[in-house]
Protein backbone atom coordinates (compact mmCIF):
# COMPACT_ATOMS: atom_id res chain seq x y z
CA MET A 1 98.04 34.91 -29.44
CA ASN A 2 97.62 34.87 -33.21
CA GLN A 3 97.97 31.07 -33.31
CA THR A 4 95.25 30.73 -30.66
CA VAL A 5 92.84 32.85 -32.68
CA GLU A 6 93.55 30.76 -35.77
CA ARG A 7 92.89 27.53 -33.86
CA LEU A 8 89.62 28.90 -32.53
CA LYS A 9 88.53 29.71 -36.09
CA VAL A 10 89.42 26.19 -37.23
CA LEU A 11 87.47 24.74 -34.30
CA GLY A 12 84.55 26.95 -35.28
CA VAL A 13 84.61 25.61 -38.84
CA PHE A 14 84.75 22.03 -37.53
CA SER A 15 81.76 22.78 -35.30
CA TYR A 16 79.83 24.10 -38.31
CA VAL A 17 80.67 20.95 -40.28
CA LEU A 18 79.66 18.73 -37.36
CA GLY A 19 76.39 20.64 -36.99
CA VAL A 20 75.51 20.23 -40.66
CA PHE A 21 76.47 16.54 -40.57
CA THR A 22 74.32 15.99 -37.47
CA PHE A 23 71.42 17.81 -39.15
CA CYS A 24 71.67 15.57 -42.22
CA CYS A 25 71.94 12.40 -40.13
CA SER A 26 68.85 13.42 -38.17
CA PHE A 27 66.73 12.64 -41.22
CA PHE A 28 67.57 8.91 -41.21
CA PRO A 29 64.59 7.91 -38.99
CA ILE A 30 62.16 9.50 -41.48
CA PHE A 31 61.50 6.10 -43.06
CA HIS A 32 60.38 4.68 -39.71
CA LEU A 33 58.24 7.77 -39.15
CA ILE A 34 56.47 7.34 -42.50
CA PHE A 35 55.96 3.63 -41.86
CA GLY A 36 54.54 4.35 -38.39
CA ILE A 37 52.11 6.94 -39.77
CA ALA A 38 51.00 4.38 -42.37
CA MET A 39 50.45 1.81 -39.62
CA ILE A 40 48.31 4.25 -37.65
CA SER A 41 46.34 5.41 -40.68
CA PHE A 42 45.75 2.05 -42.36
CA PRO A 43 45.86 -0.74 -39.73
CA GLU A 44 43.64 -3.07 -41.77
CA VAL A 45 46.09 -3.04 -44.69
CA MET A 46 49.04 -3.72 -42.39
CA ALA A 47 47.19 -6.56 -40.62
CA THR A 48 46.36 -8.65 -43.68
CA PRO A 49 48.07 -12.06 -43.29
CA LYS A 50 49.93 -13.70 -46.15
CA ASN A 51 48.18 -16.99 -45.53
CA PRO A 52 44.35 -16.75 -45.48
CA SER A 53 44.10 -19.44 -42.79
CA GLU A 54 45.95 -17.26 -40.25
CA THR A 55 44.11 -14.83 -38.02
CA PRO A 56 45.26 -11.22 -38.37
CA PRO A 57 46.43 -9.28 -35.33
CA PRO A 58 43.90 -6.85 -33.85
CA ALA A 59 43.78 -3.31 -35.22
CA TRP A 60 44.59 -1.75 -31.84
CA PHE A 61 47.87 -3.70 -31.72
CA ILE A 62 48.86 -2.47 -35.16
CA GLN A 63 48.03 1.10 -34.12
CA LEU A 64 50.03 0.71 -30.90
CA VAL A 65 53.09 -0.49 -32.81
CA GLY A 66 52.52 2.33 -35.32
CA THR A 67 52.46 4.84 -32.49
CA MET A 68 55.81 3.53 -31.25
CA PHE A 69 57.16 3.66 -34.81
CA THR A 70 56.05 7.30 -34.91
CA LEU A 71 57.04 8.64 -31.50
CA ILE A 72 60.52 7.14 -31.20
CA PRO A 73 61.76 8.48 -34.57
CA LEU A 74 60.23 11.86 -33.76
CA MET A 75 62.22 12.01 -30.52
CA ILE A 76 65.42 10.93 -32.26
CA MET A 77 64.93 13.53 -34.99
CA CYS A 78 64.17 16.32 -32.51
CA LEU A 79 67.26 15.49 -30.46
CA GLY A 80 69.39 15.43 -33.61
CA PHE A 81 68.05 18.81 -34.69
CA LEU A 82 68.70 20.18 -31.21
CA PHE A 83 72.30 18.93 -31.21
CA SER A 84 72.89 20.35 -34.67
CA VAL A 85 71.67 23.78 -33.54
CA ILE A 86 73.95 23.56 -30.49
CA TYR A 87 76.98 22.65 -32.66
CA ILE A 88 76.28 25.47 -35.11
CA ARG A 89 75.92 27.95 -32.22
CA LEU A 90 79.17 26.65 -30.76
CA GLY A 91 80.91 27.26 -34.08
CA TYR A 92 79.55 30.80 -34.16
CA LEU A 93 80.73 31.48 -30.62
CA LEU A 94 84.18 30.02 -31.28
CA GLN A 95 84.72 32.02 -34.45
CA ASN A 96 83.65 35.28 -32.84
CA GLN A 97 85.51 34.53 -29.57
CA ARG A 98 82.51 35.10 -27.34
CA ASN A 99 81.13 33.43 -24.21
CA ALA A 100 84.07 31.20 -23.36
CA THR A 101 82.15 29.70 -20.43
CA GLU A 102 79.29 28.71 -22.71
CA CYS A 103 81.73 27.11 -25.14
CA ILE A 104 83.25 25.06 -22.32
CA VAL A 105 79.79 23.87 -21.26
CA TYR A 106 78.97 22.71 -24.80
């Protein structure tokens, strides 16, 4: 029985570490989010062509792409934060030996 309790505590620590790692990795899409907000806010700057003879894309297209660059990273970040909270809660439940059914579901 004592060995089982010790293994549950080790699993709880691993769940804490996984939760913190997931939380830190959830910030990777922040660069895409900032770029998407810039595309929505300043479409005329993003649409300037390198060659003056080229026609720039319309502003609505730049804003549409900016919206996709904003919404998709937001969803990825929210899911990452959700998973990190779930892993941290799982670590808490494993260390305190509570809600075995909930631990199995996670």
